[in-house]
C-alpha atoms as a PDB file:
ATOM      1  CA  MET A   1     177.553 118.460 155.219  1.00  0.00           C
ATOM      2  CA  GLU A   2     176.800 115.600 157.797  1.00  0.00           C
ATOM      3  CA  PRO A   3     174.986 112.367 156.824  1.00  0.00           C
ATOM      4  CA  ASN A   4     172.048 113.192 159.075  1.00  0.00           C
ATOM      5  CA  GLN A   5     171.324 116.337 157.556  1.00  0.00           C
ATOM      6  CA  GLU A   6     171.370 114.749 153.958  1.00  0.00           C
ATOM      7  CA  GLU A   7     168.935 112.350 155.057  1.00  0.00           C
ATOM      8  CA  LYS A   8     166.664 114.933 156.681  1.00  0.00           C
ATOM      9  CA  LYS A   9     166.662 116.737 153.469  1.00  0.00           C
ATOM     10  CA  SER A  10     165.707 113.655 151.520  1.00  0.00           C
ATOM     11  CA  ASN A  11     162.825 112.833 153.997  1.00  0.00           C
ATOM     12  CA  ASN A  12     161.616 116.317 153.395  1.00  0.00           C
ATOM     13  CA  LYS A  13     161.464 115.904 149.855  1.00  0.00           C
ATOM     14  CA  ILE A  14     159.559 112.702 150.076  1.00  0.00           C
ATOM     15  CA  LEU A  15     157.076 114.174 152.370  1.00  0.00           C
ATOM     16  CA  LEU A  16     156.392 117.150 149.927  1.00  0.00           C
ATOM     17  CA  LEU A  17     155.901 114.661 147.188  1.00  0.00           C
ATOM     18  CA  LEU A  18     153.482 112.818 149.030  1.00  0.00           C
ATOM     19  CA  LEU A  19     151.655 115.846 149.994  1.00  0.00           C
ATOM     20  CA  ALA A  20     151.586 117.016 146.485  1.00  0.00           C
ATOM     21  CA  LEU A  21     150.317 113.545 145.353  1.00  0.00           C
ATOM     22  CA  LEU A  22     147.780 113.625 148.098  1.00  0.00           C
ATOM     23  CA  PHE A  23     146.558 117.036 147.222  1.00  0.00           C
ATOM     24  CA  VAL A  24     146.173 116.103 143.378  1.00  0.00           C
ATOM     25  CA  GLY A  25     144.360 113.038 144.464  1.00  0.00           C
ATOM     26  CA  ASN A  26     141.950 114.794 146.706  1.00  0.00           C
ATOM     27  CA  ALA A  27     141.430 117.486 143.972  1.00  0.00           C
ATOM     28  CA  THR A  28     140.831 114.941 141.286  1.00  0.00           C
ATOM     29  CA  PHE A  29     138.346 113.043 143.808  1.00  0.00           C
ATOM     30  CA  ALA A  30     136.437 116.280 144.430  1.00  0.00           C
ATOM     31  CA  TYR A  31     136.295 117.122 140.666  1.00  0.00           C
ATOM     32  CA  LEU A  32     134.891 113.414 139.903  1.00  0.00           C
ATOM     33  CA  TRP A  33     132.620 113.883 142.664  1.00  0.00           C
ATOM     34  CA  TRP A  34     131.418 117.365 141.496  1.00  0.00           C
ATOM     35  CA  GLN A  35     131.011 115.871 138.037  1.00  0.00           C
ATOM     36  CA  GLU A  36     128.906 112.761 139.338  1.00  0.00           C
ATOM     37  CA  LYS A  37     126.661 115.122 141.367  1.00  0.00           C
ATOM     38  CA  ASN A  38     126.056 117.334 138.426  1.00  0.00           C
ATOM     39  CA  ARG A  39     125.166 114.261 136.263  1.00  0.00           C
ATOM     40  CA  ALA A  40     122.938 112.984 138.931  1.00  0.00           C
ATOM     41  CA  ASN A  41     121.182 116.416 139.314  1.00  0.00           C
ATOM     42  CA  THR A  42     120.995 116.441 135.443  1.00  0.00           C
ATOM     43  CA  VAL A  43     119.394 112.967 135.401  1.00  0.00           C
ATOM     44  CA  VAL A  44     116.947 114.065 138.043  1.00  0.00           C
ATOM     45  CA  VAL A  45     115.981 117.051 135.992  1.00  0.00           C
ATOM     46  CA  GLU A  46     115.607 115.238 132.893  1.00  0.00           C
ATOM     47  CA  LYS A  47     113.502 112.535 134.473  1.00  0.00           C
ATOM     48  CA  GLN A  48     111.354 115.376 135.877  1.00  0.00           C
ATOM     49  CA  GLU A  49     111.036 117.149 132.510  1.00  0.00           C
ATOM     50  CA  VAL A  50     110.045 113.810 130.939  1.00  0.00           C
ATOM     51  CA  ILE A  51     107.424 113.073 133.591  1.00  0.00           C
ATOM     52  CA  VAL A  52     105.991 116.771 133.044  1.00  0.00           C
ATOM     53  CA  GLU A  53     106.011 116.301 129.246  1.00  0.00           C
ATOM     54  CA  ARG A  54     104.273 113.083 129.615  1.00  0.00           C
ATOM     55  CA  ASP A  55     101.463 114.586 131.997  1.00  0.00           C
ATOM     56  CA  ASN A  56     101.164 117.486 129.345  1.00  0.00           C
ATOM     57  CA  VAL A  57     101.022 114.942 126.178  1.00  0.00           C
ATOM     58  CA  LYS A  58      98.434 112.883 128.189  1.00  0.00           C
ATOM     59  CA  ALA A  59      96.445 115.982 128.949  1.00  0.00           C
ATOM     60  CA  ASP A  60      96.470 116.820 125.266  1.00  0.00           C
ATOM     61  CA  LEU A  61      95.449 113.111 124.236  1.00  0.00           C
ATOM     62  CA  LEU A  62      92.432 113.264 126.773  1.00  0.00           C
ATOM     63  CA  SER A  63      91.412 116.810 125.317  1.00  0.00           C
ATOM     64  CA  LEU A  64      91.657 115.456 121.824  1.00  0.00           C
ATOM     65  CA  GLN A  65      89.645 112.507 122.841  1.00  0.00           C
ATOM     66  CA  GLN A  66      86.752 114.453 123.871  1.00  0.00           C
ATOM     67  CA  GLU A  67      86.954 116.673 120.855  1.00  0.00           C
ATOM     68  CA  TYR A  68      86.826 113.732 118.548  1.00  0.00           C
ATOM     69  CA  ALA A  69      83.791 112.437 120.695  1.00  0.00           C
ATOM     70  CA  THR A  70      82.002 115.400 119.606  1.00  0.00           C
ATOM     71  CA  LEU A  71      82.332 114.744 115.897  1.00  0.00           C
ATOM     72  CA  GLN A  72      79.294 113.071 114.439  1.00  0.00           C
ATOM     73  CA  THR A  73      78.288 112.464 110.687  1.00  0.00           C
ATOM     74  CA  SER A  74      75.904 110.505 108.790  1.00  0.00           C
ATOM     75  CA  ASP A  75      78.608 109.584 106.307  1.00  0.00           C
ATOM     76  CA  LYS A  76      79.429 105.935 107.089  1.00  0.00           C
ATOM     77  CA  SER A  77      82.720 105.872 105.688  1.00  0.00           C
ATOM     78  CA  LEU A  78      83.845 109.174 107.319  1.00  0.00           C
ATOM     79  CA  GLN A  79      82.089 107.939 110.803  1.00  0.00           C
ATOM     80  CA  ALA A  80      84.225 104.651 110.448  1.00  0.00           C
ATOM     81  CA  ASP A  81      87.634 106.719 110.006  1.00  0.00           C
ATOM     82  CA  LEU A  82      86.535 108.703 113.213  1.00  0.00           C
ATOM     83  CA  GLU A  83      86.018 105.678 115.125  1.00  0.00           C
ATOM     84  CA  ALA A  84      89.563 104.433 114.127  1.00  0.00           C
ATOM     85  CA  LYS A  85      91.033 107.629 115.281  1.00  0.00           C
ATOM     86  CA  LYS A  86      89.148 107.579 118.540  1.00  0.00           C
ATOM     87  CA  ALA A  87      90.687 103.983 118.972  1.00  0.00           C
ATOM     88  CA  GLU A  88      94.219 105.121 118.216  1.00  0.00           C
ATOM     89  CA  ILE A  89      94.019 108.140 120.851  1.00  0.00           C
ATOM     90  CA  ALA A  90      92.811 105.657 123.209  1.00  0.00           C
ATOM     91  CA  GLU A  91      95.828 103.470 122.704  1.00  0.00           C
ATOM     92  CA  LEU A  92      98.211 106.429 122.762  1.00  0.00           C
ATOM     93  CA  ILE A  93      96.908 107.357 126.262  1.00  0.00           C
ATOM     94  CA  ILE A  94      97.814 103.830 127.555  1.00  0.00           C
ATOM     95  CA  GLN A  95     101.219 104.162 125.808  1.00  0.00           C
ATOM     96  CA  ALA A  96     101.747 107.503 127.668  1.00  0.00           C
ATOM     97  CA  GLU A  97     100.739 106.101 130.805  1.00  0.00           C
ATOM     98  CA  LYS A  98     103.065 102.949 130.181  1.00  0.00           C
ATOM     99  CA  HIS A  99     106.243 104.733 129.211  1.00  0.00           C
ATOM    100  CA  LYS A 100     106.146 107.733 131.349  1.00  0.00           C
ATOM    101  CA  ASP A 101     109.970 107.582 132.010  1.00  0.00           C
ATOM    102  CA  ASP A 102     110.935 107.172 128.130  1.00  0.00           C
ATOM    103  CA  ALA A 103     111.652 110.308 126.706  1.00  0.00           C
ATOM    104  CA  TYR A 104     111.939 109.174 123.290  1.00  0.00           C
ATOM    105  CA  ILE A 105     108.306 107.457 123.326  1.00  0.00           C
ATOM    106  CA  ILE A 106     106.821 110.522 125.019  1.00  0.00           C
ATOM    107  CA  SER A 107     108.536 112.759 122.130  1.00  0.00           C
ATOM    108  CA  LYS A 108     106.869 110.342 119.714  1.00  0.00           C
ATOM    109  CA  LEU A 109     103.528 110.627 121.320  1.00  0.00           C
ATOM    110  CA  ARG A 110     103.734 114.401 121.251  1.00  0.00           C
ATOM    111  CA  ARG A 111     104.295 114.243 117.454  1.00  0.00           C
ATOM    112  CA  GLU A 112     101.448 111.792 116.944  1.00  0.00           C
ATOM    113  CA  THR A 113      99.212 113.941 119.076  1.00  0.00           C
ATOM    114  CA  GLN A 114     100.069 116.761 116.856  1.00  0.00           C
ATOM    115  CA  THR A 115      99.223 114.941 113.783  1.00  0.00           C
ATOM    116  CA  LEU A 116      95.990 113.652 114.823  1.00  0.00           C
ATOM    117  CA  ARG A 117      94.875 117.086 115.855  1.00  0.00           C
ATOM    118  CA  LYS A 118      95.702 118.494 112.362  1.00  0.00           C
ATOM    119  CA  ILE A 119      93.679 115.315 110.908  1.00  0.00           C
ATOM    120  CA  MET A 120      90.861 116.334 113.343  1.00  0.00           C
ATOM    121  CA  GLN A 121      90.650 119.942 111.941  1.00  0.00           C
ATOM    122  CA  HIS A 122      90.275 118.350 108.673  1.00  0.00           C
ATOM    123  CA  TYR A 123      87.469 116.222 109.676  1.00  0.00           C
ATOM    124  CA  VAL A 124      85.773 119.286 111.207  1.00  0.00           C
ATOM    125  CA  VAL A 125      86.022 121.130 107.781  1.00  0.00           C
ATOM    126  CA  GLU A 126      84.588 117.911 105.920  1.00  0.00           C
ATOM    127  CA  ILE A 127      81.761 117.473 108.397  1.00  0.00           C
ATOM    128  CA  ASP A 128      80.852 120.974 108.095  1.00  0.00           C
ATOM    129  CA  SER A 129      80.693 120.840 104.414  1.00  0.00           C
ATOM    130  CA  LEU A 130      78.700 117.563 104.652  1.00  0.00           C
ATOM    131  CA  ASN A 131      76.278 119.318 106.940  1.00  0.00           C
ATOM    132  CA  THR A 132      76.028 122.217 104.858  1.00  0.00           C
ATOM    133  CA  LEU A 133      75.272 119.952 101.940  1.00  0.00           C
ATOM    134  CA  ASN A 134      72.758 117.996 103.596  1.00  0.00           C
ATOM    135  CA  LYS A 135      70.960 121.227 104.802  1.00  0.00           C
ATOM    136  CA  THR A 136      71.071 122.214 101.029  1.00  0.00           C
ATOM    137  CA  VAL A 137      69.686 118.741 100.053  1.00  0.00           C
ATOM    138  CA  ILE A 138      67.023 118.783 102.819  1.00  0.00           C
ATOM    139  CA  ALA A 139      66.036 122.341 101.761  1.00  0.00           C
ATOM    140  CA  GLU A 140      65.521 121.388  98.246  1.00  0.00           C
ATOM    141  CA  LYS A 141      63.819 117.948  99.010  1.00  0.00           C
ATOM    142  CA  GLU A 142      61.420 119.926 101.331  1.00  0.00           C
ATOM    143  CA  LYS A 143      60.848 122.268  98.148  1.00  0.00           C
ATOM    144  CA  ILE A 144      60.280 119.518  96.003  1.00  0.00           C
ATOM    145  CA  ALA A 145      57.961 118.086  98.506  1.00  0.00           C
ATOM    146  CA  VAL A 146      55.963 121.241  98.640  1.00  0.00           C
ATOM    147  CA  ASP A 147      55.921 121.578  94.923  1.00  0.00           C
ATOM    148  CA  LEU A 148      54.756 118.081  94.547  1.00  0.00           C
ATOM    149  CA  ASN A 149      52.063 118.717  96.942  1.00  0.00           C
ATOM    150  CA  LYS A 150      50.972 121.720  95.104  1.00  0.00           C
ATOM    151  CA  GLU A 151      50.875 119.726  91.976  1.00  0.00           C
ATOM    152  CA  LYS A 152      49.016 116.734  93.745  1.00  0.00           C
ATOM    153  CA  VAL A 153      46.452 119.508  94.998  1.00  0.00           C
ATOM    154  CA  LYS A 154      46.323 121.010  91.596  1.00  0.00           C
ATOM    155  CA  THR A 155      45.937 117.416  90.135  1.00  0.00           C
ATOM    156  CA  THR A 156      43.353 116.746  92.456  1.00  0.00           C
ATOM    157  CA  GLN A 157      41.402 119.737  91.816  1.00  0.00           C
ATOM    158  CA  LEU A 158      41.579 119.054  88.201  1.00  0.00           C
ATOM    159  CA  SER A 159      40.295 115.776  88.501  1.00  0.00           C
ATOM    160  CA  LYS A 160      37.665 117.074  90.570  1.00  0.00           C
ATOM    161  CA  ASP A 161      36.739 119.812  87.912  1.00  0.00           C
ATOM    162  CA  LYS A 162      36.928 116.838  85.476  1.00  0.00           C
ATOM    163  CA  ASP A 163      34.479 114.865  87.500  1.00  0.00           C
ATOM    164  CA  VAL A 164      32.213 117.590  87.835  1.00  0.00           C
ATOM    165  CA  LEU A 165      32.468 118.414  84.417  1.00  0.00           C
ATOM    166  CA  GLN A 166      31.750 114.849  83.286  1.00  0.00           C
ATOM    167  CA  SER A 167      29.046 114.596  85.687  1.00  0.00           C
ATOM    168  CA  THR A 168      27.602 117.792  84.184  1.00  0.00           C
ATOM    169  CA  VAL A 169      28.115 116.248  80.641  1.00  0.00           C
ATOM    170  CA  ASN A 170      26.543 113.006  81.772  1.00  0.00           C
ATOM    171  CA  MET A 171      23.693 114.821  83.301  1.00  0.00           C
ATOM    172  CA  GLY A 172      23.290 117.049  80.127  1.00  0.00           C
ATOM    173  CA  SER A 173      23.414 114.053  77.913  1.00  0.00           C
ATOM    174  CA  ILE A 174      20.469 112.256  79.787  1.00  0.00           C
ATOM    175  CA  LEU A 175      17.434 112.176  77.572  1.00  0.00           C
ATOM    176  CA  LYS A 176      13.939 113.506  78.564  1.00  0.00           C
ATOM    177  CA  ALA A 177      10.677 112.006  77.990  1.00  0.00           C
ATOM    178  CA  GLU A 178       8.761 115.026  77.144  1.00  0.00           C
ATOM    179  CA  ASN A 179       4.785 115.501  77.720  1.00  0.00           C
ATOM    180  CA  PRO A 180       4.283 111.698  79.006  1.00  0.00           C
ATOM    181  CA  THR A 181       0.854 110.473  78.709  1.00  0.00           C
ATOM    182  CA  VAL A 182      -0.796 106.976  79.531  1.00  0.00           C
ATOM    183  CA  LYS A 183      -4.141 105.741  78.516  1.00  0.00           C
ATOM    184  CA  GLY A 184      -6.000 102.475  78.737  1.00  0.00           C
ATOM    185  CA  VAL A 185      -6.746 100.926  75.293  1.00  0.00           C
ATOM    186  CA  LYS A 186      -8.980  97.961  73.778  1.00  0.00           C
ATOM    187  CA  PHE A 187      -8.551  96.816  70.493  1.00  0.00           C
ATOM    188  CA  LYS A 188     -11.161  96.153  67.706  1.00  0.00           C
ATOM    189  CA  SER A 189     -11.399  94.904  64.289  1.00  0.00           C
ATOM    190  CA  GLY A 190      -8.870  92.227  64.955  1.00  0.00           C
ATOM    191  CA  GLY A 191      -6.422  94.434  66.561  1.00  0.00           C
ATOM    192  CA  LYS A 192      -6.327  97.372  64.077  1.00  0.00           C
ATOM    193  CA  LYS A 193      -8.439  99.680  65.805  1.00  0.00           C
ATOM    194  CA  GLU A 194      -7.586 101.213  69.261  1.00  0.00           C
ATOM    195  CA  VAL A 195     -10.501 102.368  71.481  1.00  0.00           C
ATOM    196  CA  GLU A 196      -9.591 104.338  74.574  1.00  0.00           C
ATOM    197  CA  THR A 197     -11.140 103.337  77.974  1.00  0.00           C
ATOM    198  CA  THR A 198     -10.591 104.019  81.644  1.00  0.00           C
ATOM    199  CA  LYS A 199     -12.522 100.821  82.744  1.00  0.00           C
ATOM    200  CA  ALA A 200     -10.109  98.519  84.360  1.00  0.00           C
ATOM    201  CA  SER A 201     -11.844  95.324  83.259  1.00  0.00           C
ATOM    202  CA  ARG A 202     -12.040  96.573  79.478  1.00  0.00           C
ATOM    203  CA  VAL A 203      -8.319  97.482  79.353  1.00  0.00           C
ATOM    204  CA  GLU A 204      -6.169  95.469  77.221  1.00  0.00           C
ATOM    205  CA  ARG A 205      -3.008  97.341  77.341  1.00  0.00           C
ATOM    206  CA  LEU A 206      -1.823 100.589  78.887  1.00  0.00           C
ATOM    207  CA  LYS A 207      -0.491 102.817  75.923  1.00  0.00           C
ATOM    208  CA  VAL A 208       2.519 105.148  77.078  1.00  0.00           C
ATOM    209  CA  SER A 209       3.253 108.011  74.689  1.00  0.00           C
ATOM    210  CA  PHE A 210       5.870 110.520  75.047  1.00  0.00           C
ATOM    211  CA  VAL A 211       8.561 112.235  72.950  1.00  0.00           C
ATOM    212  CA  LEU A 212      12.385 111.693  73.533  1.00  0.00           C
ATOM    213  CA  GLY A 213      13.719 115.385  73.561  1.00  0.00           C
ATOM    214  CA  GLU A 214      16.374 116.963  71.273  1.00  0.00           C
ATOM    215  CA  ASN A 215      19.810 116.532  72.872  1.00  0.00           C
ATOM    216  CA  LYS A 216      22.988 117.332  70.754  1.00  0.00           C
ATOM    217  CA  ILE A 217      25.670 116.088  73.353  1.00  0.00           C
ATOM    218  CA  ALA A 218      23.552 112.403  73.953  1.00  0.00           C
ATOM    219  CA  LYS A 219      24.982 109.513  72.408  1.00  0.00           C
ATOM    220  CA  ARG A 220      23.305 108.688  68.980  1.00  0.00           C
ATOM    221  CA  GLY A 221      22.085 105.114  68.053  1.00  0.00           C
ATOM    222  CA  VAL A 222      19.776 102.478  68.979  1.00  0.00           C
ATOM    223  CA  LYS A 223      18.478 102.790  72.684  1.00  0.00           C
ATOM    224  CA  PRO A 224      16.185 100.555  74.389  1.00  0.00           C
ATOM    225  CA  VAL A 225      13.372 102.432  76.179  1.00  0.00           C
ATOM    226  CA  TYR A 226      11.763 100.584  79.105  1.00  0.00           C
ATOM    227  CA  VAL A 227       8.209 101.084  80.758  1.00  0.00           C
ATOM    228  CA  ARG A 228       7.995 100.175  84.487  1.00  0.00           C
ATOM    229  CA  LEU A 229       4.346  99.856  85.854  1.00  0.00           C
ATOM    230  CA  THR A 230       3.528  99.641  89.445  1.00  0.00           C
ATOM    231  CA  SER A 231      -0.089  98.382  90.146  1.00  0.00           C
ATOM    232  CA  PRO A 232      -2.504  99.802  92.723  1.00  0.00           C
ATOM    233  CA  ASP A 233      -1.355  97.040  94.930  1.00  0.00           C
ATOM    234  CA  GLY A 234       2.227  98.068  95.015  1.00  0.00           C
ATOM    235  CA  LYS A 235       3.422  95.364  92.555  1.00  0.00           C
ATOM    236  CA  GLU A 236       5.482  95.745  89.415  1.00  0.00           C
ATOM    237  CA  ILE A 237       3.795  94.379  86.332  1.00  0.00           C
ATOM    238  CA  CYS A 238       5.951  92.198  84.238  1.00  0.00           C
ATOM    239  CA  LYS A 239       5.705  89.098  81.700  1.00  0.00           C
ATOM    240  CA  SER A 240       7.455  87.055  84.298  1.00  0.00           C
ATOM    241  CA  ALA A 241       9.645  87.498  87.455  1.00  0.00           C
ATOM    242  CA  ASP A 242      13.087  86.535  86.081  1.00  0.00           C
ATOM    243  CA  GLU A 243      16.381  88.217  85.507  1.00  0.00           C
ATOM    244  CA  GLY A 244      15.757  88.911  81.936  1.00  0.00           C
ATOM    245  CA  ASN A 245      12.666  91.169  82.731  1.00  0.00           C
ATOM    246  CA  MET A 246      14.745  93.530  84.962  1.00  0.00           C
ATOM    247  CA  VAL A 247      16.102  96.855  84.209  1.00  0.00           C
ATOM    248  CA  LYS A 248      18.604  99.134  86.043  1.00  0.00           C
ATOM    249  CA  PHE A 249      17.394 102.638  86.947  1.00  0.00           C
ATOM    250  CA  ASN A 250      18.797 105.479  89.149  1.00  0.00           C
ATOM    251  CA  GLY A 251      21.027 102.808  90.953  1.00  0.00           C
ATOM    252  CA  SER A 252      18.281 100.422  91.486  1.00  0.00           C
ATOM    253  CA  LYS A 253      16.736  97.484  89.719  1.00  0.00           C
ATOM    254  CA  GLY A 254      13.213  96.428  88.979  1.00  0.00           C
ATOM    255  CA  TYR A 255      10.860  94.551  86.582  1.00  0.00           C
ATOM    256  CA  PHE A 256       9.692  96.538  83.466  1.00  0.00           C
ATOM    257  CA  ALA A 257       6.278  95.970  81.810  1.00  0.00           C
ATOM    258  CA  ALA A 258       7.397  96.696  78.123  1.00  0.00           C
ATOM    259  CA  LYS A 259      10.529  97.336  76.123  1.00  0.00           C
ATOM    260  CA  GLN A 260      11.064  99.338  72.709  1.00  0.00           C
ATOM    261  CA  ASP A 261      14.140  99.874  70.702  1.00  0.00           C
ATOM    262  CA  VAL A 262      14.316 103.696  69.644  1.00  0.00           C
ATOM    263  CA  ASN A 263      16.712 104.847  66.950  1.00  0.00           C
ATOM    264  CA  TYR A 264      17.870 108.112  68.440  1.00  0.00           C
ATOM    265  CA  LYS A 265      19.485 110.723  66.294  1.00  0.00           C
ATOM    266  CA  ASN A 266      19.795 113.621  68.559  1.00  0.00           C
ATOM    267  CA  GLU A 267      16.380 114.892  67.518  1.00  0.00           C
ATOM    268  CA  GLU A 268      12.978 114.568  68.875  1.00  0.00           C
ATOM    269  CA  VAL A 269      11.193 111.239  68.399  1.00  0.00           C
ATOM    270  CA  ALA A 270       7.898 110.303  69.232  1.00  0.00           C
ATOM    271  CA  VAL A 271       7.439 106.976  71.075  1.00  0.00           C
ATOM    272  CA  ASP A 272       4.564 104.602  72.085  1.00  0.00           C
ATOM    273  CA  VAL A 273       4.868 101.780  74.054  1.00  0.00           C
ATOM    274  CA  LEU A 274       2.062  99.248  74.652  1.00  0.00           C
ATOM    275  CA  CYS A 275       2.258  97.565  78.163  1.00  0.00           C
ATOM    276  CA  PRO A 276       0.361  94.443  78.702  1.00  0.00           C
ATOM    277  CA  SER A 277      -0.585  92.666  81.899  1.00  0.00           C
ATOM    278  CA  PRO A 278      -0.587  88.971  82.109  1.00  0.00           C
ATOM    279  CA  THR A 279      -3.048  88.840  85.020  1.00  0.00           C
ATOM    280  CA  GLY A 280      -5.376  91.763  83.859  1.00  0.00           C
ATOM    281  CA  PHE A 281      -5.779  95.169  85.127  1.00  0.00           C
ATOM    282  CA  LEU A 282      -7.157  96.160  88.592  1.00  0.00           C
ATOM    283  CA  PRO A 283      -8.994  99.358  89.243  1.00  0.00           C
ATOM    284  CA  GLY A 284      -6.905 101.978  90.911  1.00  0.00           C
ATOM    285  CA  LYS A 285      -3.939 104.160  90.308  1.00  0.00           C
ATOM    286  CA  TYR A 286      -0.930 102.958  88.212  1.00  0.00           C
ATOM    287  CA  LEU A 287       2.462 104.633  88.223  1.00  0.00           C
ATOM    288  CA  VAL A 288       4.409 104.830  85.138  1.00  0.00           C
ATOM    289  CA  ASP A 289       8.211 105.360  85.015  1.00  0.00           C
ATOM    290  CA  ILE A 290      10.030 105.618  81.413  1.00  0.00           C
ATOM    291  CA  ILE A 291      13.671 104.369  81.630  1.00  0.00           C
ATOM    292  CA  CYS A 292      16.519 104.993  79.204  1.00  0.00           C
ATOM    293  CA  ASP A 293      20.231 104.756  79.739  1.00  0.00           C
ATOM    294  CA  ASP A 294      19.626 103.465  83.200  1.00  0.00           C
ATOM    295  CA  VAL A 295      17.692 106.668  84.262  1.00  0.00           C
ATOM    296  CA  ILE A 296      14.185 107.481  84.959  1.00  0.00           C
ATOM    297  CA  VAL A 297      13.566 109.886  82.006  1.00  0.00           C
ATOM    298  CA  GLY A 298      10.027 110.485  82.446  1.00  0.00           C
ATOM    299  CA  GLN A 299       6.900 109.789  84.753  1.00  0.00           C
ATOM    300  CA  THR A 300       3.211 109.649  84.691  1.00  0.00           C
ATOM    301  CA  SER A 301       0.299 107.809  86.191  1.00  0.00           C
ATOM    302  CA  ILE A 302      -3.251 106.576  85.206  1.00  0.00           C
ATOM    303  CA  MET A 303      -6.464 106.019  87.182  1.00  0.00           C
ATOM    304  CA  LEU A 304      -8.716 102.859  85.987  1.00  0.00           C
ATOM    305  CA  LYS A 305     -12.102 102.730  87.117  1.00  0.00           C
END
């Protein structure tokens, strides 16, 4: 074989080798480019998925925030826990916005959101229980208030009945001066003999006579009986115008002309009271009030000439 032919064959082999190497190189480059393209596409898809998940988590957090805002309770401890959870949700929303490209943080936020929702469901049950309990307590309190009001009304009525009964007893225990009479008298034989007279200038005393009637519910014992005299000129006859000569009667006070202690034993007892006048007696009509236990128990009058 000639040298030129040998050289030509050798060159062809080298050319074929180069072509094979070029083909392999292009194929390798194409494969690497395809892989890089797929990886880039995967990264873009993953990033988009993270953003979508972030948006979903943020939406869930905003919804959860509104749901927590509707929870209210009068229990201070429970309300403090709710406020803490609201603050935690607000912070998670900030984190979701700050780490929108971080798949790990977004995944963590998703788990925390789910946990907070479960906790919220527990709070809802607890608040409902407290509200039910509060309604029961309020109902019982209202019932107690009604019962207390009924008892108060009943007690008030009993008190009124007692007062009425006591008033009735008090009225029933008031003594009465039965058949009261009054006459003018003059004394003779050194004061041993009484002579009745209606002539004012001759009257030395007005003698008031009556019977304290029987009363089984009146208080027994010594009772001071007072006689009040009102003269024709409207003045009260008394020994002297000082406090010691005043007596209470029917809510008022006045001067008495004479006083006599009577030992009362719930039986009839006759009483005579002699009433003097320091300035003498004037002609005209005299009014007589008989007073016992601060009450006027009898009245009469006399006309002196």
